[in-house]
Amino acid sequence: MSENPVKLYTPKKRIKKKVQLRDDYVLEDFYMAVRNNRLDSIHVPHSDVFFVKAAMEAKASKSSDSVLRDMKFKLKDVEAAMRAEGWNESRVLVPHKQKVLAND
């Protein structure tokens, strides 16, 4: 009797490709990912990134330099700069613990 090995089905690994949302179409890109069941493939920046971007553009718009006045910042660049300066999403969500001093 000859042995006939049975080949088991092994599913292919799905490649998770992160998609950056377009700055002007964040909401549309998010809903498109929801509709296509691809939420695992997008990166939605933290709300802090949106606030910092708005603050930077507001500050730049008040500049006397015409090049700086018309400058628009990309979300991914703002987030990268924030991370380089030490910002971290996980630290935002954890409240600061106050130290309790013992009475000596």
Protein backbone atom coordinates (compact mmCIF):
# COMPACT_ATOMS: atom_id res chain seq x y z
CA MET A 1 0.00 0.00 0.00
CA SER A 2 1.50 3.34 -1.00
CA GLU A 3 1.39 6.26 1.36
CA ASN A 4 -0.38 9.27 0.01
CA PRO A 5 0.35 12.27 2.23
CA VAL A 6 -2.61 14.52 2.77
CA LYS A 7 -1.88 18.18 2.20
CA LEU A 8 -3.60 20.37 4.68
CA TYR A 9 -4.94 23.72 3.62
CA THR A 10 -2.92 26.56 5.06
CA PRO A 11 -4.44 29.99 4.57
CA LYS A 12 -2.20 32.63 3.09
CA LYS A 13 -1.17 35.40 5.41
CA ARG A 14 -2.95 38.59 4.61
CA ILE A 15 -0.51 41.40 4.18
CA LYS A 16 -1.52 44.31 6.34
CA LYS A 17 -0.70 47.44 4.48
CA LYS A 18 -1.04 50.67 6.39
CA VAL A 19 -2.70 53.43 4.44
CA GLN A 20 -2.15 57.05 5.39
CA LEU A 21 -5.29 59.11 5.23
CA ARG A 22 -5.24 62.04 2.85
CA ASP A 23 -5.25 65.34 4.75
CA ASP A 24 -8.20 66.86 2.93
CA TYR A 25 -10.27 63.67 2.87
CA VAL A 26 -9.75 62.07 6.29
CA LEU A 27 -13.41 61.40 6.94
CA GLU A 28 -14.07 60.15 3.40
CA ASP A 29 -11.08 57.79 3.55
CA PHE A 30 -12.17 56.50 6.95
CA TYR A 31 -15.71 55.74 5.74
CA MET A 32 -14.34 54.10 2.59
CA ALA A 33 -12.27 51.78 4.81
CA VAL A 34 -15.37 51.01 6.91
CA ARG A 35 -17.40 50.25 3.81
CA ASN A 36 -14.69 47.95 2.44
CA ASN A 37 -14.10 46.28 5.82
CA ARG A 38 -10.47 47.47 5.85
CA LEU A 39 -10.23 49.32 9.16
CA ASP A 40 -7.15 47.32 10.06
CA SER A 41 -5.29 48.86 7.13
CA ILE A 42 -5.63 52.55 7.97
CA HIS A 43 -3.89 54.79 10.44
CA VAL A 44 -6.04 57.53 11.92
CA PRO A 45 -3.89 60.14 13.65
CA HIS A 46 -4.60 61.05 17.28
CA SER A 47 -6.72 64.17 17.79
CA ASP A 48 -3.65 65.94 19.21
CA VAL A 49 -2.09 65.79 15.75
CA PHE A 50 -5.07 67.62 14.23
CA PHE A 51 -4.94 70.32 16.93
CA VAL A 52 -1.18 70.83 16.54
CA LYS A 53 -1.53 71.02 12.74
CA ALA A 54 -4.27 73.66 13.07
CA ALA A 55 -2.20 75.65 15.57
CA MET A 56 0.88 75.53 13.33
CA GLU A 57 -1.10 76.69 10.30
CA ALA A 58 -2.74 79.48 12.31
CA LYS A 59 0.65 80.66 13.53
CA ALA A 60 2.12 80.45 10.02
CA SER A 61 -0.78 82.43 8.56
CA LYS A 62 0.07 85.38 10.83
CA SER A 63 3.66 85.44 9.62
CA SER A 64 4.99 88.36 7.60
CA ASP A 65 6.79 85.92 5.28
CA SER A 66 4.54 85.19 2.27
CA VAL A 67 5.99 81.68 1.78
CA LEU A 68 5.32 80.72 5.38
CA ARG A 69 1.88 82.33 5.30
CA ASP A 70 0.67 79.97 2.54
CA MET A 71 2.29 76.86 4.01
CA LYS A 72 0.13 73.78 4.64
CA PHE A 73 1.40 70.97 6.86
CA LYS A 74 0.73 67.29 6.24
CA LEU A 75 -0.71 65.19 9.06
CA LYS A 76 2.00 62.54 8.73
CA ASP A 77 4.73 65.20 8.93
CA VAL A 78 3.18 66.83 12.00
CA GLU A 79 2.78 63.44 13.70
CA ALA A 80 6.40 62.51 12.87
CA ALA A 81 7.63 65.81 14.32
CA MET A 82 5.53 65.32 17.46
CA ARG A 83 6.94 61.82 17.96
CA ALA A 84 10.48 63.13 17.41
CA GLU A 85 9.83 65.67 20.18
CA GLY A 86 8.76 62.89 22.56
CA TRP A 87 4.98 62.84 22.14
CA ASN A 88 3.40 59.42 22.54
CA GLU A 89 -0.26 58.41 22.21
CA SER A 90 -0.11 56.00 25.12
CA ARG A 91 1.12 58.71 27.49
CA VAL A 92 -1.82 60.93 26.59
CA LEU A 93 -4.37 58.44 27.86
CA VAL A 94 -2.66 57.68 31.19
CA PRO A 95 -3.34 60.27 33.92
CA HIS A 96 -0.36 61.49 35.89
CA LYS A 97 -0.06 59.86 39.31
CA GLN A 98 0.65 62.18 42.15
CA LYS A 99 3.32 61.21 44.61
CA VAL A 100 2.20 60.80 48.18
CA LEU A 101 4.76 62.12 50.63
CA ALA A 102 5.03 60.30 53.91
CA ASN A 103 5.03 62.45 57.05
CA ASP A 104 8.29 61.94 58.90
